[in-house]
Amino acid sequence: MKKPAKSFKDANYKLTQQITAKKNAVKKRDPFKERGVKDHLDFFDAKLMTRFLNEQGKLLPGRITGASAKMQRKLNTAIKRARHLAVIPFVSEGTRY
């Protein structure tokens, strides 16, 4: 036995729900586009670098920072360079002892 076809009204309702859900979805802003950074991150800018670290000093993932994949890779490299040059610490003050 065939199932009765869904009415046009039901299909239209679901489609409307999907469209409104997409409109209401919160878009993450790329923090680098807001600052005007296009391709080069200054790893001597400790204030910017520490914004993308958690309390323990770990790198935050791109889904939390809102950065694109390309900029997230550049950010990770810049943070590692800043740590190597002792611009920012490898671990936070609270986890040292």
PDB file of N, CA and C in Angstrom:
ATOM      1  N   MET A   1       0.826  -1.181   0.000  1.00  0.00           N
ATOM      2  CA  MET A   1       0.000   0.000   0.000  1.00  0.00           C
ATOM      3  C   MET A   1       0.874   1.249   0.000  1.00  0.00           C
ATOM      4  N   LYS A   2       0.479   2.184  -0.771  1.00  0.00           N
ATOM      5  CA  LYS A   2       1.199   3.443  -0.838  1.00  0.00           C
ATOM      6  C   LYS A   2       0.775   4.363   0.305  1.00  0.00           C
ATOM      7  N   LYS A   3       1.755   5.083   0.802  1.00  0.00           N
ATOM      8  CA  LYS A   3       1.437   6.088   1.812  1.00  0.00           C
ATOM      9  C   LYS A   3       0.842   7.290   1.106  1.00  0.00           C
ATOM     10  N   PRO A   4      -0.088   7.935   1.737  1.00  0.00           N
ATOM     11  CA  PRO A   4      -0.648   9.129   1.101  1.00  0.00           C
ATOM     12  C   PRO A   4       0.415  10.222   1.011  1.00  0.00           C
ATOM     13  N   ALA A   5       0.417  10.892  -0.094  1.00  0.00           N
ATOM     14  CA  ALA A   5       1.378  11.964  -0.321  1.00  0.00           C
ATOM     15  C   ALA A   5       1.119  13.102   0.659  1.00  0.00           C
ATOM     16  N   LYS A   6       2.195  13.721   1.105  1.00  0.00           N
ATOM     17  CA  LYS A   6       2.049  14.852   2.005  1.00  0.00           C
ATOM     18  C   LYS A   6       1.419  16.008   1.248  1.00  0.00           C
ATOM     19  N   SER A   7       0.628  16.710   1.949  1.00  0.00           N
ATOM     20  CA  SER A   7      -0.046  17.825   1.300  1.00  0.00           C
ATOM     21  C   SER A   7       0.948  18.949   1.024  1.00  0.00           C
ATOM     22  N   PHE A   8       0.572  19.810   0.134  1.00  0.00           N
ATOM     23  CA  PHE A   8       1.402  20.947  -0.231  1.00  0.00           C
ATOM     24  C   PHE A   8       1.606  21.862   0.971  1.00  0.00           C
ATOM     25  N   LYS A   9       0.585  21.925   1.811  1.00  0.00           N
ATOM     26  CA  LYS A   9       0.646  22.794   2.980  1.00  0.00           C
ATOM     27  C   LYS A   9       1.736  22.324   3.954  1.00  0.00           C
ATOM     28  N   ASP A  10       1.841  20.996   4.177  1.00  0.00           N
ATOM     29  CA  ASP A  10       2.863  20.461   5.078  1.00  0.00           C
ATOM     30  C   ASP A  10       4.271  20.692   4.539  1.00  0.00           C
ATOM     31  N   ALA A  11       4.458  20.456   3.248  1.00  0.00           N
ATOM     32  CA  ALA A  11       5.776  20.638   2.640  1.00  0.00           C
ATOM     33  C   ALA A  11       6.186  22.106   2.684  1.00  0.00           C
ATOM     34  N   ASN A  12       5.235  22.991   2.434  1.00  0.00           N
ATOM     35  CA  ASN A  12       5.523  24.422   2.460  1.00  0.00           C
ATOM     36  C   ASN A  12       5.872  24.882   3.873  1.00  0.00           C
ATOM     37  N   TYR A  13       5.211  24.328   4.873  1.00  0.00           N
ATOM     38  CA  TYR A  13       5.477  24.685   6.260  1.00  0.00           C
ATOM     39  C   TYR A  13       6.902  24.305   6.647  1.00  0.00           C
ATOM     40  N   LYS A  14       7.321  23.087   6.281  1.00  0.00           N
ATOM     41  CA  LYS A  14       8.674  22.643   6.614  1.00  0.00           C
ATOM     42  C   LYS A  14       9.726  23.505   5.925  1.00  0.00           C
ATOM     43  N   LEU A  15       9.469  23.841   4.681  1.00  0.00           N
ATOM     44  CA  LEU A  15      10.392  24.681   3.937  1.00  0.00           C
ATOM     45  C   LEU A  15      10.502  26.057   4.583  1.00  0.00           C
ATOM     46  N   THR A  16       9.393  26.598   5.021  1.00  0.00           N
ATOM     47  CA  THR A  16       9.394  27.899   5.686  1.00  0.00           C
ATOM     48  C   THR A  16      10.179  27.835   6.995  1.00  0.00           C
ATOM     49  N   GLN A  17      10.033  26.744   7.730  1.00  0.00           N
ATOM     50  CA  GLN A  17      10.759  26.573   8.984  1.00  0.00           C
ATOM     51  C   GLN A  17      12.270  26.526   8.741  1.00  0.00           C
ATOM     52  N   GLN A  18      12.684  25.824   7.686  1.00  0.00           N
ATOM     53  CA  GLN A  18      14.106  25.726   7.362  1.00  0.00           C
ATOM     54  C   GLN A  18      14.679  27.086   6.974  1.00  0.00           C
ATOM     55  N   ILE A  19      13.928  27.840   6.212  1.00  0.00           N
ATOM     56  CA  ILE A  19      14.407  29.159   5.775  1.00  0.00           C
ATOM     57  C   ILE A  19      14.543  30.101   6.963  1.00  0.00           C
ATOM     58  N   THR A  20      13.572  30.118   7.848  1.00  0.00           N
ATOM     59  CA  THR A  20      13.645  31.010   9.008  1.00  0.00           C
ATOM     60  C   THR A  20      14.755  30.579   9.953  1.00  0.00           C
ATOM     61  N   ALA A  21      15.028  29.273  10.057  1.00  0.00           N
ATOM     62  CA  ALA A  21      16.113  28.805  10.916  1.00  0.00           C
ATOM     63  C   ALA A  21      17.457  29.297  10.389  1.00  0.00           C
ATOM     64  N   LYS A  22      17.623  29.290   9.064  1.00  0.00           N
ATOM     65  CA  LYS A  22      18.867  29.773   8.479  1.00  0.00           C
ATOM     66  C   LYS A  22      19.023  31.275   8.686  1.00  0.00           C
ATOM     67  N   LYS A  23      17.919  32.017   8.587  1.00  0.00           N
ATOM     68  CA  LYS A  23      17.981  33.462   8.774  1.00  0.00           C
ATOM     69  C   LYS A  23      18.328  33.817  10.214  1.00  0.00           C
ATOM     70  N   ASN A  24      17.815  33.031  11.167  1.00  0.00           N
ATOM     71  CA  ASN A  24      18.021  33.329  12.576  1.00  0.00           C
ATOM     72  C   ASN A  24      19.325  32.770  13.122  1.00  0.00           C
ATOM     73  N   ALA A  25      20.045  31.979  12.324  1.00  0.00           N
ATOM     74  CA  ALA A  25      21.304  31.405  12.781  1.00  0.00           C
ATOM     75  C   ALA A  25      22.319  32.521  13.026  1.00  0.00           C
ATOM     76  N   VAL A  26      23.047  32.385  14.102  1.00  0.00           N
ATOM     77  CA  VAL A  26      24.034  33.391  14.465  1.00  0.00           C
ATOM     78  C   VAL A  26      25.300  33.142  13.660  1.00  0.00           C
ATOM     79  N   LYS A  27      25.733  34.155  12.945  1.00  0.00           N
ATOM     80  CA  LYS A  27      26.958  34.047  12.170  1.00  0.00           C
ATOM     81  C   LYS A  27      28.131  34.456  13.041  1.00  0.00           C
ATOM     82  N   LYS A  28      29.177  33.632  13.019  1.00  0.00           N
ATOM     83  CA  LYS A  28      30.385  33.997  13.746  1.00  0.00           C
ATOM     84  C   LYS A  28      31.181  34.969  12.895  1.00  0.00           C
ATOM     85  N   ARG A  29      31.655  36.004  13.513  1.00  0.00           N
ATOM     86  CA  ARG A  29      32.447  36.999  12.793  1.00  0.00           C
ATOM     87  C   ARG A  29      33.914  36.615  12.866  1.00  0.00           C
ATOM     88  N   ASP A  30      34.579  36.800  11.771  1.00  0.00           N
ATOM     89  CA  ASP A  30      36.009  36.539  11.741  1.00  0.00           C
ATOM     90  C   ASP A  30      36.706  37.676  12.481  1.00  0.00           C
ATOM     91  N   PRO A  31      37.395  37.384  13.584  1.00  0.00           N
ATOM     92  CA  PRO A  31      38.006  38.457  14.369  1.00  0.00           C
ATOM     93  C   PRO A  31      39.121  39.187  13.633  1.00  0.00           C
ATOM     94  N   PHE A  32      39.676  38.577  12.618  1.00  0.00           N
ATOM     95  CA  PHE A  32      40.763  39.219  11.890  1.00  0.00           C
ATOM     96  C   PHE A  32      40.236  40.165  10.823  1.00  0.00           C
ATOM     97  N   LYS A  33      39.110  39.854  10.235  1.00  0.00           N
ATOM     98  CA  LYS A  33      38.512  40.750   9.251  1.00  0.00           C
ATOM     99  C   LYS A  33      38.039  42.035   9.923  1.00  0.00           C
ATOM    100  N   GLU A  34      37.573  41.913  11.161  1.00  0.00           N
ATOM    101  CA  GLU A  34      37.133  43.098  11.898  1.00  0.00           C
ATOM    102  C   GLU A  34      38.297  44.059  12.145  1.00  0.00           C
ATOM    103  N   ARG A  35      39.483  43.520  12.382  1.00  0.00           N
ATOM    104  CA  ARG A  35      40.663  44.339  12.662  1.00  0.00           C
ATOM    105  C   ARG A  35      41.387  44.772  11.405  1.00  0.00           C
ATOM    106  N   GLY A  36      40.986  44.254  10.261  1.00  0.00           N
ATOM    107  CA  GLY A  36      41.626  44.631   9.008  1.00  0.00           C
ATOM    108  C   GLY A  36      42.855  43.814   8.675  1.00  0.00           C
ATOM    109  N   VAL A  37      43.057  42.678   9.365  1.00  0.00           N
ATOM    110  CA  VAL A  37      44.202  41.808   9.083  1.00  0.00           C
ATOM    111  C   VAL A  37      43.849  40.939   7.887  1.00  0.00           C
ATOM    112  N   LYS A  38      44.688  40.968   6.859  1.00  0.00           N
ATOM    113  CA  LYS A  38      44.386  40.195   5.660  1.00  0.00           C
ATOM    114  C   LYS A  38      45.220  38.928   5.569  1.00  0.00           C
ATOM    115  N   ASP A  39      46.533  39.068   5.668  1.00  0.00           N
ATOM    116  CA  ASP A  39      47.350  37.878   5.469  1.00  0.00           C
ATOM    117  C   ASP A  39      48.487  37.724   6.472  1.00  0.00           C
ATOM    118  N   HIS A  40      48.877  38.768   7.150  1.00  0.00           N
ATOM    119  CA  HIS A  40      50.025  38.688   8.045  1.00  0.00           C
ATOM    120  C   HIS A  40      49.607  39.006   9.479  1.00  0.00           C
ATOM    121  N   LEU A  41      49.942  38.105  10.400  1.00  0.00           N
ATOM    122  CA  LEU A  41      49.693  38.338  11.819  1.00  0.00           C
ATOM    123  C   LEU A  41      51.003  38.729  12.486  1.00  0.00           C
ATOM    124  N   ASP A  42      50.955  39.785  13.270  1.00  0.00           N
ATOM    125  CA  ASP A  42      52.139  40.239  13.976  1.00  0.00           C
ATOM    126  C   ASP A  42      52.265  39.452  15.273  1.00  0.00           C
ATOM    127  N   PHE A  43      53.268  38.580  15.359  1.00  0.00           N
ATOM    128  CA  PHE A  43      53.399  37.742  16.551  1.00  0.00           C
ATOM    129  C   PHE A  43      54.026  38.487  17.717  1.00  0.00           C
ATOM    130  N   PHE A  44      54.412  39.745  17.527  1.00  0.00           N
ATOM    131  CA  PHE A  44      54.884  40.559  18.638  1.00  0.00           C
ATOM    132  C   PHE A  44      53.733  41.247  19.369  1.00  0.00           C
ATOM    133  N   ASP A  45      52.541  41.158  18.827  1.00  0.00           N
ATOM    134  CA  ASP A  45      51.358  41.743  19.457  1.00  0.00           C
ATOM    135  C   ASP A  45      50.827  40.758  20.499  1.00  0.00           C
ATOM    136  N   ALA A  46      51.349  40.848  21.712  1.00  0.00           N
ATOM    137  CA  ALA A  46      51.016  39.896  22.775  1.00  0.00           C
ATOM    138  C   ALA A  46      49.552  39.984  23.180  1.00  0.00           C
ATOM    139  N   LYS A  47      48.995  41.173  23.136  1.00  0.00           N
ATOM    140  CA  LYS A  47      47.603  41.352  23.534  1.00  0.00           C
ATOM    141  C   LYS A  47      46.668  40.588  22.590  1.00  0.00           C
ATOM    142  N   LEU A  48      46.945  40.639  21.298  1.00  0.00           N
ATOM    143  CA  LEU A  48      46.143  39.913  20.320  1.00  0.00           C
ATOM    144  C   LEU A  48      46.329  38.412  20.460  1.00  0.00           C
ATOM    145  N   MET A  49      47.557  37.979  20.675  1.00  0.00           N
ATOM    146  CA  MET A  49      47.847  36.545  20.766  1.00  0.00           C
ATOM    147  C   MET A  49      47.190  35.908  21.993  1.00  0.00           C
ATOM    148  N   THR A  50      47.220  36.605  23.120  1.00  0.00           N
ATOM    149  CA  THR A  50      46.645  36.032  24.341  1.00  0.00           C
ATOM    150  C   THR A  50      45.130  35.977  24.288  1.00  0.00           C
ATOM    151  N   ARG A  51      44.522  36.699  23.377  1.00  0.00           N
ATOM    152  CA  ARG A  51      43.067  36.637  23.217  1.00  0.00           C
ATOM    153  C   ARG A  51      42.621  35.259  22.724  1.00  0.00           C
ATOM    154  N   PHE A  52      43.504  34.559  22.036  1.00  0.00           N
ATOM    155  CA  PHE A  52      43.170  33.262  21.456  1.00  0.00           C
ATOM    156  C   PHE A  52      43.747  32.100  22.253  1.00  0.00           C
ATOM    157  N   LEU A  53      44.062  32.351  23.518  1.00  0.00           N
ATOM    158  CA  LEU A  53      44.536  31.315  24.432  1.00  0.00           C
ATOM    159  C   LEU A  53      43.556  31.213  25.596  1.00  0.00           C
ATOM    160  N   ASN A  54      43.417  30.009  26.170  1.00  0.00           N
ATOM    161  CA  ASN A  54      42.552  29.880  27.339  1.00  0.00           C
ATOM    162  C   ASN A  54      43.348  30.186  28.607  1.00  0.00           C
ATOM    163  N   GLU A  55      42.759  29.957  29.771  1.00  0.00           N
ATOM    164  CA  GLU A  55      43.394  30.314  31.037  1.00  0.00           C
ATOM    165  C   GLU A  55      44.661  29.518  31.291  1.00  0.00           C
ATOM    166  N   GLN A  56      44.733  28.308  30.748  1.00  0.00           N
ATOM    167  CA  GLN A  56      45.908  27.459  30.951  1.00  0.00           C
ATOM    168  C   GLN A  56      47.018  27.760  29.950  1.00  0.00           C
ATOM    169  N   GLY A  57      46.707  28.533  28.923  1.00  0.00           N
ATOM    170  CA  GLY A  57      47.693  28.844  27.906  1.00  0.00           C
ATOM    171  C   GLY A  57      47.567  27.990  26.661  1.00  0.00           C
ATOM    172  N   LYS A  58      46.476  27.230  26.557  1.00  0.00           N
ATOM    173  CA  LYS A  58      46.273  26.370  25.391  1.00  0.00           C
ATOM    174  C   LYS A  58      45.631  27.164  24.252  1.00  0.00           C
ATOM    175  N   LEU A  59      45.896  26.731  23.032  1.00  0.00           N
ATOM    176  CA  LEU A  59      45.305  27.366  21.853  1.00  0.00           C
ATOM    177  C   LEU A  59      43.816  27.050  21.779  1.00  0.00           C
ATOM    178  N   LEU A  60      43.016  28.049  21.478  1.00  0.00           N
ATOM    179  CA  LEU A  60      41.584  27.828  21.319  1.00  0.00           C
ATOM    180  C   LEU A  60      41.289  27.366  19.897  1.00  0.00           C
ATOM    181  N   PRO A  61      40.339  26.445  19.716  1.00  0.00           N
ATOM    182  CA  PRO A  61      40.015  25.964  18.368  1.00  0.00           C
ATOM    183  C   PRO A  61      39.275  27.015  17.551  1.00  0.00           C
ATOM    184  N   GLY A  62      39.271  26.822  16.246  1.00  0.00           N
ATOM    185  CA  GLY A  62      38.652  27.782  15.336  1.00  0.00           C
ATOM    186  C   GLY A  62      37.154  27.913  15.522  1.00  0.00           C
ATOM    187  N   ARG A  63      36.491  26.856  15.970  1.00  0.00           N
ATOM    188  CA  ARG A  63      35.037  26.950  16.166  1.00  0.00           C
ATOM    189  C   ARG A  63      34.692  27.877  17.317  1.00  0.00           C
ATOM    190  N   ILE A  64      35.617  28.065  18.230  1.00  0.00           N
ATOM    191  CA  ILE A  64      35.382  28.980  19.344  1.00  0.00           C
ATOM    192  C   ILE A  64      35.851  30.392  18.995  1.00  0.00           C
ATOM    193  N   THR A  65      36.995  30.506  18.351  1.00  0.00           N
ATOM    194  CA  THR A  65      37.527  31.829  18.022  1.00  0.00           C
ATOM    195  C   THR A  65      36.742  32.500  16.906  1.00  0.00           C
ATOM    196  N   GLY A  66      36.152  31.708  16.015  1.00  0.00           N
ATOM    197  CA  GLY A  66      35.405  32.271  14.900  1.00  0.00           C
ATOM    198  C   GLY A  66      36.277  32.590  13.705  1.00  0.00           C
ATOM    199  N   ALA A  67      37.537  32.206  13.751  1.00  0.00           N
ATOM    200  CA  ALA A  67      38.448  32.472  12.647  1.00  0.00           C
ATOM    201  C   ALA A  67      38.254  31.437  11.539  1.00  0.00           C
ATOM    202  N   SER A  68      38.533  31.846  10.320  1.00  0.00           N
ATOM    203  CA  SER A  68      38.468  30.895   9.212  1.00  0.00           C
ATOM    204  C   SER A  68      39.616  29.900   9.353  1.00  0.00           C
ATOM    205  N   ALA A  69      39.547  28.803   8.609  1.00  0.00           N
ATOM    206  CA  ALA A  69      40.560  27.754   8.730  1.00  0.00           C
ATOM    207  C   ALA A  69      41.944  28.276   8.352  1.00  0.00           C
ATOM    208  N   LYS A  70      41.993  29.075   7.311  1.00  0.00           N
ATOM    209  CA  LYS A  70      43.273  29.626   6.859  1.00  0.00           C
ATOM    210  C   LYS A  70      43.875  30.543   7.919  1.00  0.00           C
ATOM    211  N   MET A  71      43.062  31.422   8.478  1.00  0.00           N
ATOM    212  CA  MET A  71      43.565  32.349   9.490  1.00  0.00           C
ATOM    213  C   MET A  71      43.863  31.627  10.798  1.00  0.00           C
ATOM    214  N   GLN A  72      43.137  30.553  11.088  1.00  0.00           N
ATOM    215  CA  GLN A  72      43.411  29.780  12.299  1.00  0.00           C
ATOM    216  C   GLN A  72      44.793  29.127  12.215  1.00  0.00           C
ATOM    217  N   ARG A  73      45.152  28.634  11.045  1.00  0.00           N
ATOM    218  CA  ARG A  73      46.486  28.049  10.863  1.00  0.00           C
ATOM    219  C   ARG A  73      47.572  29.119  11.034  1.00  0.00           C
ATOM    220  N   LYS A  74      47.337  30.296  10.472  1.00  0.00           N
ATOM    221  CA  LYS A  74      48.305  31.386  10.615  1.00  0.00           C
ATOM    222  C   LYS A  74      48.398  31.845  12.071  1.00  0.00           C
ATOM    223  N   LEU A  75      47.273  31.837  12.756  1.00  0.00           N
ATOM    224  CA  LEU A  75      47.245  32.209  14.167  1.00  0.00           C
ATOM    225  C   LEU A  75      48.054  31.223  15.001  1.00  0.00           C
ATOM    226  N   ASN A  76      47.875  29.928  14.750  1.00  0.00           N
ATOM    227  CA  ASN A  76      48.630  28.920  15.490  1.00  0.00           C
ATOM    228  C   ASN A  76      50.128  29.088  15.283  1.00  0.00           C
ATOM    229  N   THR A  77      50.537  29.348  14.051  1.00  0.00           N
ATOM    230  CA  THR A  77      51.950  29.565  13.758  1.00  0.00           C
ATOM    231  C   THR A  77      52.470  30.813  14.470  1.00  0.00           C
ATOM    232  N   ALA A  78      51.688  31.882  14.443  1.00  0.00           N
ATOM    233  CA  ALA A  78      52.101  33.134  15.082  1.00  0.00           C
ATOM    234  C   ALA A  78      52.229  32.961  16.593  1.00  0.00           C
ATOM    235  N   ILE A  79      51.310  32.221  17.220  1.00  0.00           N
ATOM    236  CA  ILE A  79      51.378  31.999  18.670  1.00  0.00           C
ATOM    237  C   ILE A  79      52.603  31.165  19.016  1.00  0.00           C
ATOM    238  N   LYS A  80      52.885  30.162  18.212  1.00  0.00           N
ATOM    239  CA  LYS A  80      54.060  29.325  18.473  1.00  0.00           C
ATOM    240  C   LYS A  80      55.346  30.124  18.319  1.00  0.00           C
ATOM    241  N   ARG A  81      55.391  31.028  17.346  1.00  0.00           N
ATOM    242  CA  ARG A  81      56.564  31.882  17.179  1.00  0.00           C
ATOM    243  C   ARG A  81      56.708  32.848  18.349  1.00  0.00           C
ATOM    244  N   ALA A  82      55.580  33.396  18.807  1.00  0.00           N
ATOM    245  CA  ALA A  82      55.613  34.328  19.936  1.00  0.00           C
ATOM    246  C   ALA A  82      56.073  33.614  21.208  1.00  0.00           C
ATOM    247  N   ARG A  83      55.682  32.373  21.381  1.00  0.00           N
ATOM    248  CA  ARG A  83      56.141  31.607  22.543  1.00  0.00           C
ATOM    249  C   ARG A  83      57.639  31.341  22.453  1.00  0.00           C
ATOM    250  N   HIS A  84      58.089  31.000  21.272  1.00  0.00           N
ATOM    251  CA  HIS A  84      59.506  30.692  21.090  1.00  0.00           C
ATOM    252  C   HIS A  84      60.380  31.914  21.354  1.00  0.00           C
ATOM    253  N   LEU A  85      59.897  33.092  21.001  1.00  0.00           N
ATOM    254  CA  LEU A  85      60.642  34.329  21.234  1.00  0.00           C
ATOM    255  C   LEU A  85      60.352  34.941  22.601  1.00  0.00           C
ATOM    256  N   ALA A  86      59.602  34.237  23.446  1.00  0.00           N
ATOM    257  CA  ALA A  86      59.270  34.650  24.813  1.00  0.00           C
ATOM    258  C   ALA A  86      58.445  35.921  24.855  1.00  0.00           C
ATOM    259  N   VAL A  87      57.633  36.153  23.843  1.00  0.00           N
ATOM    260  CA  VAL A  87      56.706  37.283  23.867  1.00  0.00           C
ATOM    261  C   VAL A  87      55.516  36.931  24.756  1.00  0.00           C
ATOM    262  N   ILE A  88      55.058  35.687  24.670  1.00  0.00           N
ATOM    263  CA  ILE A  88      53.994  35.179  25.551  1.00  0.00           C
ATOM    264  C   ILE A  88      54.507  33.896  26.196  1.00  0.00           C
ATOM    265  N   PRO A  89      54.039  33.564  27.385  1.00  0.00           N
ATOM    266  CA  PRO A  89      54.530  32.356  28.063  1.00  0.00           C
ATOM    267  C   PRO A  89      53.915  31.085  27.474  1.00  0.00           C
ATOM    268  N   PHE A  90      54.600  29.972  27.693  1.00  0.00           N
ATOM    269  CA  PHE A  90      54.069  28.692  27.241  1.00  0.00           C
ATOM    270  C   PHE A  90      52.890  28.260  28.112  1.00  0.00           C
ATOM    271  N   VAL A  91      52.955  28.508  29.413  1.00  0.00           N
ATOM    272  CA  VAL A  91      51.860  28.199  30.330  1.00  0.00           C
ATOM    273  C   VAL A  91      51.538  29.438  31.146  1.00  0.00           C
ATOM    274  N   SER A  92      50.335  29.445  31.734  1.00  0.00           N
ATOM    275  CA  SER A  92      49.939  30.612  32.517  1.00  0.00           C
ATOM    276  C   SER A  92      50.605  30.593  33.892  1.00  0.00           C
ATOM    277  N   GLU A  93      50.463  31.681  34.604  1.00  0.00           N
ATOM    278  CA  GLU A  93      51.079  31.808  35.927  1.00  0.00           C
ATOM    279  C   GLU A  93      50.522  30.801  36.915  1.00  0.00           C
ATOM    280  N   GLY A  94      49.217  30.543  36.844  1.00  0.00           N
ATOM    281  CA  GLY A  94      48.579  29.646  37.820  1.00  0.00           C
ATOM    282  C   GLY A  94      48.961  28.192  37.660  1.00  0.00           C
ATOM    283  N   THR A  95      49.329  27.770  36.456  1.00  0.00           N
ATOM    284  CA  THR A  95      49.643  26.349  36.236  1.00  0.00           C
ATOM    285  C   THR A  95      51.123  26.046  36.362  1.00  0.00           C
ATOM    286  N   ARG A  96      51.948  27.037  36.644  1.00  0.00           N
ATOM    287  CA  ARG A  96      53.389  26.803  36.743  1.00  0.00           C
ATOM    288  C   ARG A  96      53.782  26.018  37.986  1.00  0.00           C
ATOM    289  N   TYR A  97      53.077  26.218  39.083  1.00  0.00           N
ATOM    290  CA  TYR A  97      53.513  25.624  40.342  1.00  0.00           C
ATOM    291  C   TYR A  97      52.728  24.407  40.696  1.00  0.00           C
TER     292      TYR A  97
END
